[in-house]
N, C-alpha and C. Protein backbone atom coordinates (compact mmCIF):
# COMPACT_ATOMS: atom_id res chain seq x y z
N MET A 1 8.05 -3.09 11.74
CA MET A 1 9.31 -2.45 11.51
C MET A 1 9.16 -1.49 10.35
N SER A 2 9.75 -0.31 10.44
CA SER A 2 9.66 0.69 9.39
C SER A 2 10.89 0.68 8.52
N ALA A 3 10.68 0.91 7.24
CA ALA A 3 11.79 1.09 6.31
C ALA A 3 11.51 2.36 5.53
N VAL A 4 12.47 3.25 5.45
CA VAL A 4 12.29 4.50 4.72
C VAL A 4 13.33 4.57 3.63
N ALA A 5 12.90 4.84 2.40
CA ALA A 5 13.80 4.90 1.26
C ALA A 5 14.71 6.12 1.35
N GLY A 6 15.91 6.03 0.71
CA GLY A 6 16.92 7.06 0.84
C GLY A 6 16.70 8.34 0.07
N SER A 7 16.52 8.31 -1.26
CA SER A 7 16.49 9.53 -2.05
C SER A 7 15.08 10.08 -2.26
N LEU A 8 14.11 9.51 -1.64
CA LEU A 8 12.73 9.96 -1.77
C LEU A 8 12.41 10.93 -0.64
N PRO A 9 11.25 11.59 -0.73
CA PRO A 9 10.84 12.40 0.41
C PRO A 9 10.84 11.51 1.66
N THR A 10 11.36 12.01 2.74
CA THR A 10 11.43 11.18 3.94
C THR A 10 10.32 11.54 4.92
N VAL A 11 9.83 10.54 5.55
CA VAL A 11 8.83 10.69 6.59
C VAL A 11 9.33 9.86 7.76
N ASP A 12 9.35 10.42 8.93
CA ASP A 12 9.86 9.76 10.12
C ASP A 12 9.04 8.51 10.44
N GLY A 13 9.68 7.34 10.36
CA GLY A 13 9.00 6.07 10.64
C GLY A 13 8.42 6.00 12.04
N GLU A 14 9.11 6.56 13.02
CA GLU A 14 8.59 6.56 14.38
C GLU A 14 7.34 7.42 14.49
N ALA A 15 7.29 8.52 13.73
CA ALA A 15 6.10 9.37 13.74
C ALA A 15 4.92 8.63 13.12
N ILE A 16 5.17 7.87 12.06
CA ILE A 16 4.10 7.09 11.43
C ILE A 16 3.57 6.05 12.41
N GLU A 17 4.48 5.36 13.09
CA GLU A 17 4.05 4.37 14.09
C GLU A 17 3.21 5.04 15.18
N ALA A 18 3.65 6.20 15.64
CA ALA A 18 2.93 6.91 16.71
C ALA A 18 1.53 7.33 16.25
N ILE A 19 1.42 7.79 15.01
CA ILE A 19 0.11 8.19 14.48
C ILE A 19 -0.84 6.99 14.48
N ALA A 20 -0.38 5.87 13.95
CA ALA A 20 -1.23 4.67 13.91
C ALA A 20 -1.59 4.20 15.31
N GLN A 21 -0.61 4.16 16.21
CA GLN A 21 -0.88 3.70 17.57
C GLN A 21 -1.83 4.64 18.30
N ASP A 22 -1.67 5.94 18.11
CA ASP A 22 -2.58 6.90 18.75
C ASP A 22 -4.01 6.75 18.22
N PHE A 23 -4.14 6.55 16.91
CA PHE A 23 -5.46 6.34 16.33
C PHE A 23 -6.13 5.12 16.96
N PHE A 24 -5.42 4.00 16.99
CA PHE A 24 -6.01 2.78 17.53
C PHE A 24 -6.32 2.93 19.02
N ALA A 25 -5.43 3.57 19.77
CA ALA A 25 -5.67 3.75 21.20
C ALA A 25 -6.87 4.65 21.45
N THR A 26 -7.04 5.67 20.64
CA THR A 26 -8.12 6.64 20.85
C THR A 26 -9.45 6.18 20.28
N MET A 27 -9.45 5.70 19.05
CA MET A 27 -10.71 5.45 18.36
C MET A 27 -11.13 3.98 18.30
N VAL A 28 -10.20 3.07 18.59
CA VAL A 28 -10.53 1.65 18.43
C VAL A 28 -10.52 0.92 19.76
N ASP A 29 -9.38 0.94 20.45
CA ASP A 29 -9.19 0.09 21.61
C ASP A 29 -9.40 0.77 22.97
N GLY A 30 -9.29 2.08 23.00
CA GLY A 30 -9.45 2.78 24.27
C GLY A 30 -8.23 2.68 25.17
N GLU A 31 -7.15 2.10 24.67
CA GLU A 31 -5.92 2.00 25.44
C GLU A 31 -4.74 1.79 24.51
N HIS A 32 -3.57 2.20 24.95
CA HIS A 32 -2.35 1.99 24.18
C HIS A 32 -1.88 0.55 24.36
N GLY A 33 -1.09 0.08 23.40
CA GLY A 33 -0.46 -1.22 23.53
C GLY A 33 -1.14 -2.36 22.81
N VAL A 34 -2.28 -2.10 22.16
CA VAL A 34 -2.96 -3.17 21.45
C VAL A 34 -2.43 -3.27 20.01
N LEU A 35 -2.15 -2.12 19.38
CA LEU A 35 -1.49 -2.09 18.08
C LEU A 35 0.00 -1.99 18.34
N VAL A 36 0.74 -3.02 17.92
CA VAL A 36 2.16 -3.13 18.25
C VAL A 36 2.98 -3.20 16.96
N PRO A 37 4.06 -2.40 16.85
CA PRO A 37 4.91 -2.53 15.66
C PRO A 37 5.44 -3.95 15.52
N GLY A 38 5.46 -4.45 14.29
CA GLY A 38 5.96 -5.78 14.03
C GLY A 38 7.45 -5.77 13.76
N TYR A 39 8.07 -6.88 14.00
CA TYR A 39 9.50 -7.03 13.77
C TYR A 39 9.72 -8.35 13.05
N GLY A 40 10.74 -8.39 12.24
CA GLY A 40 11.03 -9.61 11.50
C GLY A 40 10.09 -9.76 10.32
N GLU A 41 9.82 -10.99 9.96
CA GLU A 41 8.99 -11.29 8.80
C GLU A 41 7.51 -11.20 9.17
N MET A 42 6.74 -10.47 8.37
CA MET A 42 5.32 -10.32 8.63
C MET A 42 4.56 -11.56 8.16
N ALA A 43 3.58 -11.96 8.93
CA ALA A 43 2.69 -13.05 8.50
C ALA A 43 1.88 -12.56 7.29
N PRO A 44 1.54 -13.45 6.37
CA PRO A 44 0.77 -13.02 5.20
C PRO A 44 -0.64 -12.59 5.59
N LEU A 45 -1.18 -11.65 4.83
CA LEU A 45 -2.56 -11.22 5.02
C LEU A 45 -3.47 -12.24 4.34
N VAL A 46 -4.46 -12.72 5.06
CA VAL A 46 -5.40 -13.69 4.52
C VAL A 46 -6.61 -12.94 4.00
N ASP A 47 -6.94 -13.18 2.73
CA ASP A 47 -8.07 -12.49 2.08
C ASP A 47 -7.90 -10.97 2.26
N ALA A 48 -6.78 -10.47 1.77
CA ALA A 48 -6.37 -9.08 1.99
C ALA A 48 -7.37 -8.07 1.43
N ARG A 49 -7.47 -6.96 2.15
CA ARG A 49 -8.27 -5.80 1.75
C ARG A 49 -7.38 -4.58 1.87
N PHE A 50 -7.61 -3.60 1.01
CA PHE A 50 -6.75 -2.42 0.93
C PHE A 50 -7.60 -1.16 0.97
N THR A 51 -7.10 -0.17 1.67
CA THR A 51 -7.76 1.12 1.71
C THR A 51 -6.69 2.20 1.65
N TRP A 52 -6.98 3.29 0.93
CA TRP A 52 -5.95 4.30 0.74
C TRP A 52 -6.56 5.68 0.52
N VAL A 53 -5.73 6.68 0.80
CA VAL A 53 -5.99 8.07 0.45
C VAL A 53 -4.71 8.62 -0.16
N ASP A 54 -4.84 9.65 -0.97
CA ASP A 54 -3.70 10.32 -1.56
C ASP A 54 -3.60 11.73 -1.01
N VAL A 55 -2.40 12.11 -0.61
CA VAL A 55 -2.12 13.46 -0.13
C VAL A 55 -1.56 14.23 -1.33
N HIS A 56 -2.29 15.23 -1.78
CA HIS A 56 -1.86 16.02 -2.94
C HIS A 56 -1.21 17.29 -2.45
N GLY A 57 0.05 17.46 -2.79
CA GLY A 57 0.82 18.64 -2.44
C GLY A 57 1.89 18.83 -3.49
N GLU A 58 3.11 19.09 -3.06
CA GLU A 58 4.22 19.21 -4.02
C GLU A 58 4.42 17.90 -4.77
N THR A 59 4.15 16.79 -4.10
CA THR A 59 4.12 15.48 -4.72
C THR A 59 2.83 14.81 -4.28
N VAL A 60 2.56 13.65 -4.82
CA VAL A 60 1.39 12.88 -4.39
C VAL A 60 1.89 11.72 -3.55
N THR A 61 1.45 11.67 -2.31
CA THR A 61 1.84 10.60 -1.41
C THR A 61 0.62 9.74 -1.13
N ARG A 62 0.71 8.46 -1.46
CA ARG A 62 -0.38 7.53 -1.17
C ARG A 62 -0.16 6.89 0.19
N VAL A 63 -1.18 6.95 1.03
CA VAL A 63 -1.18 6.30 2.33
C VAL A 63 -2.07 5.07 2.17
N LEU A 64 -1.48 3.89 2.32
CA LEU A 64 -2.17 2.63 2.03
C LEU A 64 -2.15 1.73 3.26
N VAL A 65 -3.32 1.30 3.69
CA VAL A 65 -3.45 0.38 4.82
C VAL A 65 -3.99 -0.94 4.26
N ALA A 66 -3.38 -2.05 4.67
CA ALA A 66 -3.83 -3.37 4.23
C ALA A 66 -4.03 -4.27 5.44
N VAL A 67 -5.13 -5.01 5.42
CA VAL A 67 -5.46 -5.98 6.48
C VAL A 67 -6.10 -7.20 5.84
N GLY A 68 -6.12 -8.30 6.56
CA GLY A 68 -6.91 -9.44 6.15
C GLY A 68 -8.37 -9.13 6.41
N ARG A 69 -9.27 -9.75 5.65
CA ARG A 69 -10.70 -9.44 5.79
C ARG A 69 -11.20 -9.72 7.21
N SER A 70 -10.79 -10.81 7.84
CA SER A 70 -11.29 -11.09 9.20
C SER A 70 -10.78 -10.03 10.18
N THR A 71 -9.56 -9.55 9.98
CA THR A 71 -9.04 -8.47 10.82
C THR A 71 -9.83 -7.20 10.57
N GLY A 72 -10.13 -6.93 9.32
CA GLY A 72 -10.95 -5.77 8.99
C GLY A 72 -12.34 -5.85 9.59
N ASP A 73 -12.90 -7.06 9.63
CA ASP A 73 -14.21 -7.24 10.27
C ASP A 73 -14.12 -6.95 11.76
N MET A 74 -13.05 -7.44 12.43
CA MET A 74 -12.86 -7.13 13.86
C MET A 74 -12.73 -5.63 14.08
N LEU A 75 -11.98 -4.98 13.20
CA LEU A 75 -11.78 -3.53 13.30
C LEU A 75 -13.09 -2.79 13.09
N THR A 76 -13.90 -3.24 12.16
CA THR A 76 -15.21 -2.64 11.92
C THR A 76 -16.09 -2.77 13.15
N ARG A 77 -16.10 -3.95 13.75
CA ARG A 77 -16.90 -4.14 14.97
C ARG A 77 -16.43 -3.20 16.08
N ALA A 78 -15.12 -3.07 16.23
CA ALA A 78 -14.58 -2.20 17.28
C ALA A 78 -14.95 -0.74 17.02
N LEU A 79 -14.80 -0.27 15.78
CA LEU A 79 -15.12 1.12 15.47
C LEU A 79 -16.60 1.42 15.59
N LEU A 80 -17.44 0.46 15.22
CA LEU A 80 -18.88 0.67 15.27
C LEU A 80 -19.51 0.19 16.57
N ALA A 81 -18.67 -0.24 17.52
CA ALA A 81 -19.14 -0.72 18.83
C ALA A 81 -20.19 -1.82 18.68
N LEU A 82 -19.90 -2.80 17.83
CA LEU A 82 -20.79 -3.92 17.59
C LEU A 82 -20.34 -5.13 18.40
N PRO A 83 -21.25 -6.06 18.67
CA PRO A 83 -20.86 -7.29 19.36
C PRO A 83 -19.83 -8.08 18.55
N ASP A 84 -19.02 -8.88 19.24
CA ASP A 84 -17.96 -9.66 18.59
C ASP A 84 -18.45 -10.60 17.50
N ASP A 85 -19.71 -11.01 17.56
CA ASP A 85 -20.23 -11.96 16.58
C ASP A 85 -21.13 -11.29 15.53
N ALA A 86 -21.20 -9.96 15.54
CA ALA A 86 -22.05 -9.26 14.57
C ALA A 86 -21.54 -9.47 13.15
N PRO A 87 -22.45 -9.81 12.22
CA PRO A 87 -22.02 -9.95 10.83
C PRO A 87 -21.63 -8.58 10.27
N ILE A 88 -20.62 -8.57 9.41
CA ILE A 88 -20.14 -7.32 8.83
C ILE A 88 -20.35 -7.36 7.32
N GLY A 89 -21.14 -6.42 6.83
CA GLY A 89 -21.37 -6.31 5.39
C GLY A 89 -20.28 -5.45 4.74
N ASP A 90 -20.26 -5.50 3.43
CA ASP A 90 -19.25 -4.75 2.69
C ASP A 90 -19.35 -3.25 2.92
N ALA A 91 -20.55 -2.71 3.05
CA ALA A 91 -20.72 -1.26 3.25
C ALA A 91 -20.15 -0.82 4.59
N ASP A 92 -20.44 -1.57 5.65
CA ASP A 92 -19.89 -1.24 6.97
C ASP A 92 -18.37 -1.37 6.97
N PHE A 93 -17.88 -2.43 6.31
CA PHE A 93 -16.43 -2.63 6.21
C PHE A 93 -15.79 -1.44 5.50
N ALA A 94 -16.37 -1.03 4.37
CA ALA A 94 -15.81 0.10 3.61
C ALA A 94 -15.84 1.38 4.42
N ASP A 95 -16.92 1.62 5.16
CA ASP A 95 -16.99 2.82 6.01
C ASP A 95 -15.90 2.82 7.07
N ALA A 96 -15.74 1.69 7.74
CA ALA A 96 -14.74 1.61 8.81
C ALA A 96 -13.32 1.71 8.25
N ALA A 97 -13.03 0.96 7.19
CA ALA A 97 -11.70 1.00 6.59
C ALA A 97 -11.38 2.39 6.07
N GLY A 98 -12.38 3.03 5.46
CA GLY A 98 -12.19 4.40 4.98
C GLY A 98 -11.90 5.37 6.10
N GLU A 99 -12.57 5.19 7.22
CA GLU A 99 -12.33 6.06 8.38
C GLU A 99 -10.91 5.87 8.92
N VAL A 100 -10.46 4.64 8.98
CA VAL A 100 -9.10 4.36 9.46
C VAL A 100 -8.08 5.09 8.61
N VAL A 101 -8.12 4.89 7.30
CA VAL A 101 -7.11 5.50 6.44
C VAL A 101 -7.29 7.01 6.34
N ASN A 102 -8.51 7.50 6.45
CA ASN A 102 -8.75 8.93 6.38
C ASN A 102 -8.11 9.65 7.57
N VAL A 103 -8.29 9.12 8.76
CA VAL A 103 -7.72 9.75 9.95
C VAL A 103 -6.20 9.60 9.95
N ILE A 104 -5.71 8.40 9.68
CA ILE A 104 -4.26 8.21 9.65
C ILE A 104 -3.64 9.06 8.54
N GLY A 105 -4.24 9.05 7.36
CA GLY A 105 -3.74 9.86 6.24
C GLY A 105 -3.76 11.34 6.54
N GLY A 106 -4.81 11.81 7.21
CA GLY A 106 -4.89 13.21 7.58
C GLY A 106 -3.76 13.62 8.51
N ASN A 107 -3.41 12.73 9.41
CA ASN A 107 -2.29 13.01 10.32
C ASN A 107 -0.95 12.91 9.60
N ILE A 108 -0.81 11.96 8.71
CA ILE A 108 0.44 11.83 7.95
C ILE A 108 0.62 13.03 7.02
N LYS A 109 -0.48 13.60 6.56
CA LYS A 109 -0.43 14.77 5.69
C LYS A 109 0.44 15.87 6.30
N SER A 110 0.40 16.01 7.62
CA SER A 110 1.19 17.04 8.28
C SER A 110 2.69 16.73 8.26
N LEU A 111 3.05 15.47 7.98
CA LEU A 111 4.45 15.07 7.93
C LEU A 111 5.05 15.18 6.53
N VAL A 112 4.19 15.22 5.52
CA VAL A 112 4.63 15.23 4.13
C VAL A 112 4.91 16.67 3.71
N HIS A 113 6.10 16.90 3.17
CA HIS A 113 6.47 18.25 2.74
C HIS A 113 5.48 18.76 1.69
N GLY A 114 4.88 19.89 1.98
CA GLY A 114 3.93 20.48 1.05
C GLY A 114 2.60 19.75 0.99
N GLY A 115 2.30 18.94 2.02
CA GLY A 115 1.06 18.18 2.04
C GLY A 115 -0.14 19.09 1.92
N GLY A 116 -1.05 18.74 1.03
CA GLY A 116 -2.23 19.56 0.80
C GLY A 116 -3.49 18.75 0.95
N ALA A 117 -4.33 18.79 -0.07
CA ALA A 117 -5.63 18.15 -0.03
C ALA A 117 -5.51 16.63 0.04
N LEU A 118 -6.46 16.04 0.73
CA LEU A 118 -6.54 14.59 0.89
C LEU A 118 -7.66 14.09 -0.02
N SER A 119 -7.40 13.02 -0.77
CA SER A 119 -8.45 12.44 -1.61
C SER A 119 -9.48 11.73 -0.73
N LEU A 120 -10.56 11.34 -1.35
CA LEU A 120 -11.54 10.52 -0.65
C LEU A 120 -10.95 9.12 -0.45
N PRO A 121 -11.31 8.45 0.64
CA PRO A 121 -10.80 7.09 0.86
C PRO A 121 -11.33 6.13 -0.19
N GLN A 122 -10.47 5.19 -0.57
CA GLN A 122 -10.83 4.14 -1.51
C GLN A 122 -10.63 2.80 -0.78
N VAL A 123 -11.49 1.85 -1.05
CA VAL A 123 -11.40 0.52 -0.44
C VAL A 123 -11.55 -0.52 -1.54
N ALA A 124 -10.68 -1.52 -1.54
CA ALA A 124 -10.74 -2.54 -2.59
C ALA A 124 -10.20 -3.87 -2.06
N ASP A 125 -10.50 -4.94 -2.79
CA ASP A 125 -9.98 -6.25 -2.42
C ASP A 125 -8.70 -6.57 -3.18
N ALA A 126 -8.16 -5.60 -3.90
CA ALA A 126 -6.88 -5.74 -4.58
C ALA A 126 -6.07 -4.47 -4.32
N ALA A 127 -4.78 -4.62 -4.26
CA ALA A 127 -3.91 -3.46 -4.05
C ALA A 127 -4.06 -2.51 -5.23
N PRO A 128 -4.05 -1.20 -4.97
CA PRO A 128 -4.17 -0.26 -6.06
C PRO A 128 -2.91 -0.25 -6.92
N ASP A 129 -3.07 0.13 -8.16
CA ASP A 129 -1.92 0.28 -9.05
C ASP A 129 -1.19 1.56 -8.67
N CYS A 130 0.01 1.42 -8.19
CA CYS A 130 0.81 2.60 -7.83
C CYS A 130 1.73 3.00 -8.97
N GLY A 131 1.53 2.41 -10.15
CA GLY A 131 2.26 2.80 -11.33
C GLY A 131 3.77 2.71 -11.20
N GLY A 132 4.27 1.73 -10.45
CA GLY A 132 5.71 1.60 -10.27
C GLY A 132 6.29 2.67 -9.37
N ALA A 133 5.44 3.34 -8.63
CA ALA A 133 5.89 4.42 -7.75
C ALA A 133 6.84 3.89 -6.68
N PRO A 134 7.81 4.71 -6.30
CA PRO A 134 8.72 4.27 -5.24
C PRO A 134 8.05 4.25 -3.86
N LEU A 135 8.44 3.28 -3.09
CA LEU A 135 7.98 3.15 -1.72
C LEU A 135 8.74 4.14 -0.85
N ILE A 136 8.02 4.94 -0.07
CA ILE A 136 8.64 5.88 0.86
C ILE A 136 8.85 5.22 2.21
N SER A 137 7.82 4.51 2.68
CA SER A 137 7.87 3.93 4.01
C SER A 137 6.96 2.72 4.08
N GLU A 138 7.40 1.70 4.82
CA GLU A 138 6.58 0.51 5.05
C GLU A 138 6.67 0.15 6.52
N THR A 139 5.53 0.08 7.16
CA THR A 139 5.46 -0.27 8.57
C THR A 139 4.42 -1.37 8.71
N TRP A 140 4.75 -2.38 9.49
CA TRP A 140 3.73 -3.39 9.76
C TRP A 140 3.55 -3.52 11.26
N PHE A 141 2.34 -3.90 11.62
CA PHE A 141 1.93 -3.99 13.01
C PHE A 141 1.23 -5.32 13.23
N THR A 142 1.05 -5.64 14.51
CA THR A 142 0.08 -6.67 14.87
C THR A 142 -0.99 -5.98 15.71
N TRP A 143 -2.22 -6.31 15.42
CA TRP A 143 -3.36 -5.78 16.17
C TRP A 143 -4.21 -6.98 16.55
N ARG A 144 -4.34 -7.18 17.85
CA ARG A 144 -5.08 -8.33 18.37
C ARG A 144 -4.56 -9.63 17.74
N GLY A 145 -3.24 -9.67 17.54
CA GLY A 145 -2.58 -10.86 17.02
C GLY A 145 -2.56 -10.99 15.51
N ALA A 146 -3.17 -10.06 14.79
CA ALA A 146 -3.25 -10.15 13.33
C ALA A 146 -2.38 -9.07 12.68
N PRO A 147 -1.81 -9.36 11.49
CA PRO A 147 -0.96 -8.38 10.82
C PRO A 147 -1.77 -7.27 10.15
N LEU A 148 -1.15 -6.10 10.07
CA LEU A 148 -1.71 -4.92 9.43
C LEU A 148 -0.53 -4.14 8.86
N THR A 149 -0.63 -3.65 7.63
CA THR A 149 0.47 -2.87 7.07
C THR A 149 0.04 -1.45 6.77
N LEU A 150 1.01 -0.54 6.85
CA LEU A 150 0.82 0.87 6.53
C LEU A 150 2.00 1.27 5.65
N THR A 151 1.71 1.60 4.39
CA THR A 151 2.78 1.98 3.47
C THR A 151 2.49 3.36 2.89
N LEU A 152 3.57 4.05 2.54
CA LEU A 152 3.49 5.35 1.87
C LEU A 152 4.23 5.24 0.55
N TRP A 153 3.62 5.76 -0.50
CA TRP A 153 4.17 5.69 -1.85
C TRP A 153 4.28 7.09 -2.43
N ASN A 154 5.34 7.35 -3.18
CA ASN A 154 5.53 8.63 -3.86
C ASN A 154 5.04 8.47 -5.30
N LEU A 155 3.79 8.87 -5.55
CA LEU A 155 3.19 8.67 -6.87
C LEU A 155 3.63 9.76 -7.84
N PRO A 156 3.57 9.46 -9.14
CA PRO A 156 3.81 10.51 -10.13
C PRO A 156 2.77 11.61 -9.95
N GLU A 157 3.13 12.84 -10.26
CA GLU A 157 2.24 13.99 -10.04
C GLU A 157 0.87 13.82 -10.68
N HIS A 158 0.78 13.21 -11.85
CA HIS A 158 -0.49 13.06 -12.54
C HIS A 158 -1.34 11.92 -11.98
N ALA A 159 -0.76 11.13 -11.07
CA ALA A 159 -1.48 9.98 -10.51
C ALA A 159 -2.36 10.42 -9.36
N GLY A 160 -3.01 9.48 -8.79
CA GLY A 160 -3.83 9.73 -7.61
C GLY A 160 -5.18 9.08 -7.78
N SER A 161 -5.81 8.83 -6.64
CA SER A 161 -7.08 8.13 -6.67
C SER A 161 -8.22 9.04 -7.09
N ALA A 162 -9.28 8.41 -7.49
CA ALA A 162 -10.50 9.15 -7.79
C ALA A 162 -10.97 9.86 -6.54
N GLY A 163 -11.68 10.91 -6.70
CA GLY A 163 -12.19 11.62 -5.54
C GLY A 163 -11.28 12.71 -5.05
N ARG A 164 -10.28 13.08 -5.87
CA ARG A 164 -9.41 14.17 -5.46
C ARG A 164 -10.21 15.44 -5.36
N PRO A 165 -10.04 16.16 -4.25
CA PRO A 165 -10.79 17.41 -4.10
C PRO A 165 -10.37 18.44 -5.12
């Protein structure tokens, strides 16, 4: 379910859902309907991992994707076309998670007023410090039965992740 804040820059929640679903259908699953918007209370992420990019334009918009590590491992296997039981190292996980947020963030960039350069993807086992930034949008999904979140934050102009172009 998407929630969009009132006095902040607005981004169409349905467009965000469509971007995520199109990415998963095209690059991960090969079909629509596997990534499904969640409704009600989201299940907690187990051993959560976070990946994000910042869209630098008139404001800085952080695009943040969070998954449980086992879900991230499944996603890595799907993106890298690995067998279901293939072990996933941190480097492969970071590459796959970075690709997910980079493509989704690049598409969201077109929805953000004045969207400009995209930072390099960041991956961590803790949520990034958004400096008390207001939440623009929060969408959660289930993918292969596991929860996944996609949030957008309106960061202060001086903020942003390392790797800004």
